[in-house]
Protein backbone atom coordinates (compact mmCIF):
# COMPACT_ATOMS: atom_id res chain seq x y z
CA MET A 1 255.79 87.26 161.06
CA VAL A 2 251.82 88.14 161.73
CA ALA A 3 252.99 91.60 163.32
CA ARG A 4 255.24 92.61 160.63
CA ALA A 5 252.69 91.82 157.83
CA SER A 6 250.16 93.63 159.62
CA GLN A 7 252.60 96.62 160.23
CA VAL A 8 253.15 96.76 156.39
CA ALA A 9 249.57 96.42 155.43
CA ALA A 10 248.30 99.10 157.89
CA ALA A 11 251.27 101.50 156.83
CA VAL A 12 250.36 101.11 153.23
CA ALA A 13 246.74 101.51 153.73
CA LEU A 14 246.94 104.53 155.88
CA GLY A 15 249.42 106.18 153.36
CA THR A 16 246.95 105.08 150.35
CA LEU A 17 243.93 106.37 152.37
CA ILE A 18 245.77 109.75 152.92
CA ALA A 19 246.52 110.16 149.29
CA LEU A 20 243.14 109.31 148.26
CA CYS A 21 241.30 111.67 150.56
CA LEU A 22 243.63 114.59 149.20
CA ALA A 23 243.36 113.48 145.35
CA TRP A 24 239.42 112.96 145.85
CA GLU A 25 238.78 116.51 147.26
CA LEU A 26 241.32 118.55 145.58
CA TRP A 27 241.27 116.83 141.76
CA LEU A 28 239.48 113.80 141.01
CA ALA A 29 235.86 114.75 142.38
CA PRO A 30 235.80 117.68 144.49
CA LEU A 31 232.36 119.07 145.96
CA ARG A 32 233.46 122.32 144.34
CA PRO A 33 235.34 122.97 141.10
CA GLY A 34 238.97 123.71 141.99
CA GLY A 35 238.91 121.69 145.23
CA SER A 36 237.19 121.86 148.37
CA LEU A 37 238.16 122.32 152.10
CA LEU A 38 236.87 118.74 152.79
CA ALA A 39 240.50 117.60 151.75
CA LEU A 40 241.26 118.70 155.41
CA LYS A 41 239.86 115.40 156.29
CA ALA A 42 243.19 113.86 155.54
CA LEU A 43 244.85 115.63 158.42
CA PRO A 44 243.56 113.35 161.22
CA LEU A 45 244.84 110.35 159.23
CA ALA A 46 248.46 111.99 159.43
CA LEU A 47 248.34 111.79 163.23
CA PRO A 48 248.80 108.04 163.65
CA LEU A 49 251.14 107.97 160.57
CA GLY A 50 254.31 108.33 162.63
CA GLY A 51 253.22 105.75 165.32
CA VAL A 52 252.27 103.22 162.69
CA LEU A 53 255.60 103.42 160.97
CA ARG A 54 257.50 103.12 164.29
CA ALA A 55 255.37 100.21 165.13
CA ARG A 56 253.85 101.53 168.37
CA ARG A 57 251.09 99.44 169.54
CA TYR A 58 249.18 102.02 171.34
CA THR A 59 248.81 104.04 168.10
CA TYR A 60 247.50 100.82 166.35
CA GLN A 61 244.85 100.62 169.25
CA TRP A 62 243.60 104.17 169.16
CA SER A 63 243.92 104.61 165.24
CA SER A 64 241.81 101.42 164.85
CA MET A 65 238.86 103.47 166.31
CA LEU A 66 239.49 106.67 164.31
CA ILE A 67 239.46 104.87 161.06
CA LEU A 68 235.99 103.86 161.61
CA ALA A 69 234.91 107.41 160.92
CA TYR A 70 236.39 107.20 157.36
CA PHE A 71 234.64 103.82 156.80
CA ALA A 72 231.47 105.60 157.75
CA GLU A 73 232.08 108.45 155.39
CA GLY A 74 232.81 106.04 152.80
CA VAL A 75 229.56 103.98 153.25
CA THR A 76 227.49 107.12 153.14
CA ARG A 77 228.97 108.58 150.12
CA ALA A 78 229.02 105.38 148.40
CA TRP A 79 225.12 105.07 149.08
CA SER A 80 224.48 108.70 148.11
CA GLU A 81 226.69 109.46 145.29
CA THR A 82 227.42 108.36 141.71
CA GLY A 83 230.18 108.17 139.17
CA MET A 84 233.70 108.72 140.28
CA SER A 85 232.78 109.93 143.85
CA ARG A 86 230.85 106.70 144.33
CA ASP A 87 234.13 104.73 143.11
CA LEU A 88 236.38 106.74 145.40
CA ALA A 89 233.98 106.10 148.24
CA LEU A 90 234.26 102.44 147.79
CA ALA A 91 237.96 102.60 147.66
CA GLU A 92 237.84 104.58 151.07
CA ILE A 93 235.82 101.66 152.48
CA ALA A 94 238.10 99.12 151.07
CA LEU A 95 241.27 100.94 152.62
CA SER A 96 239.73 101.64 155.88
CA LEU A 97 238.50 98.12 156.37
CA THR A 98 242.21 97.01 155.30
CA PHE A 99 243.64 99.33 157.95
CA PHE A 100 241.16 98.39 160.74
CA VAL A 101 241.87 94.50 160.18
CA ALA A 102 245.68 95.31 159.94
CA ALA A 103 245.65 97.29 163.02
CA VAL A 104 243.67 94.96 165.24
CA SER A 105 245.82 91.96 163.99
CA TYR A 106 249.16 93.94 164.88
CA ALA A 107 247.66 94.87 168.47
CA ARG A 108 246.85 91.29 168.92
CA ALA A 109 250.18 89.71 167.73
CA THR A 110 252.19 92.09 170.01
CA GLN A 111 249.97 91.60 172.82
CA ALA A 112 251.73 90.68 175.91
CA ARG A 113 251.10 87.06 176.77
CA GLY A 114 250.09 87.48 180.33
CA ASN A 115 247.27 90.19 179.39
CA PRO A 116 243.87 89.48 177.78
């Protein structure tokens, strides 16, 4: 039950974060008019998507560390920017924390009973 809920929460948060990163840097509040290459920051998020959707425990483990870079970017940009960019950064923080908690919960819920 916990594993399935964590899997769904992680998949939704990851997919939404990918969409947010693309929309943010291409249309909503890009660094340069017309979009910026910073949209490429969504590419590393696509790497764990397949493993998350297939419920591969190892993917949840390593992607929980990857997502911390997006949390750090969100905190930095929320602190330094104003307007829509700040709001998008706060959304990035919320989504990265949601994914982190869901990924760690999934990894714990699927842990073998004999392993710490």
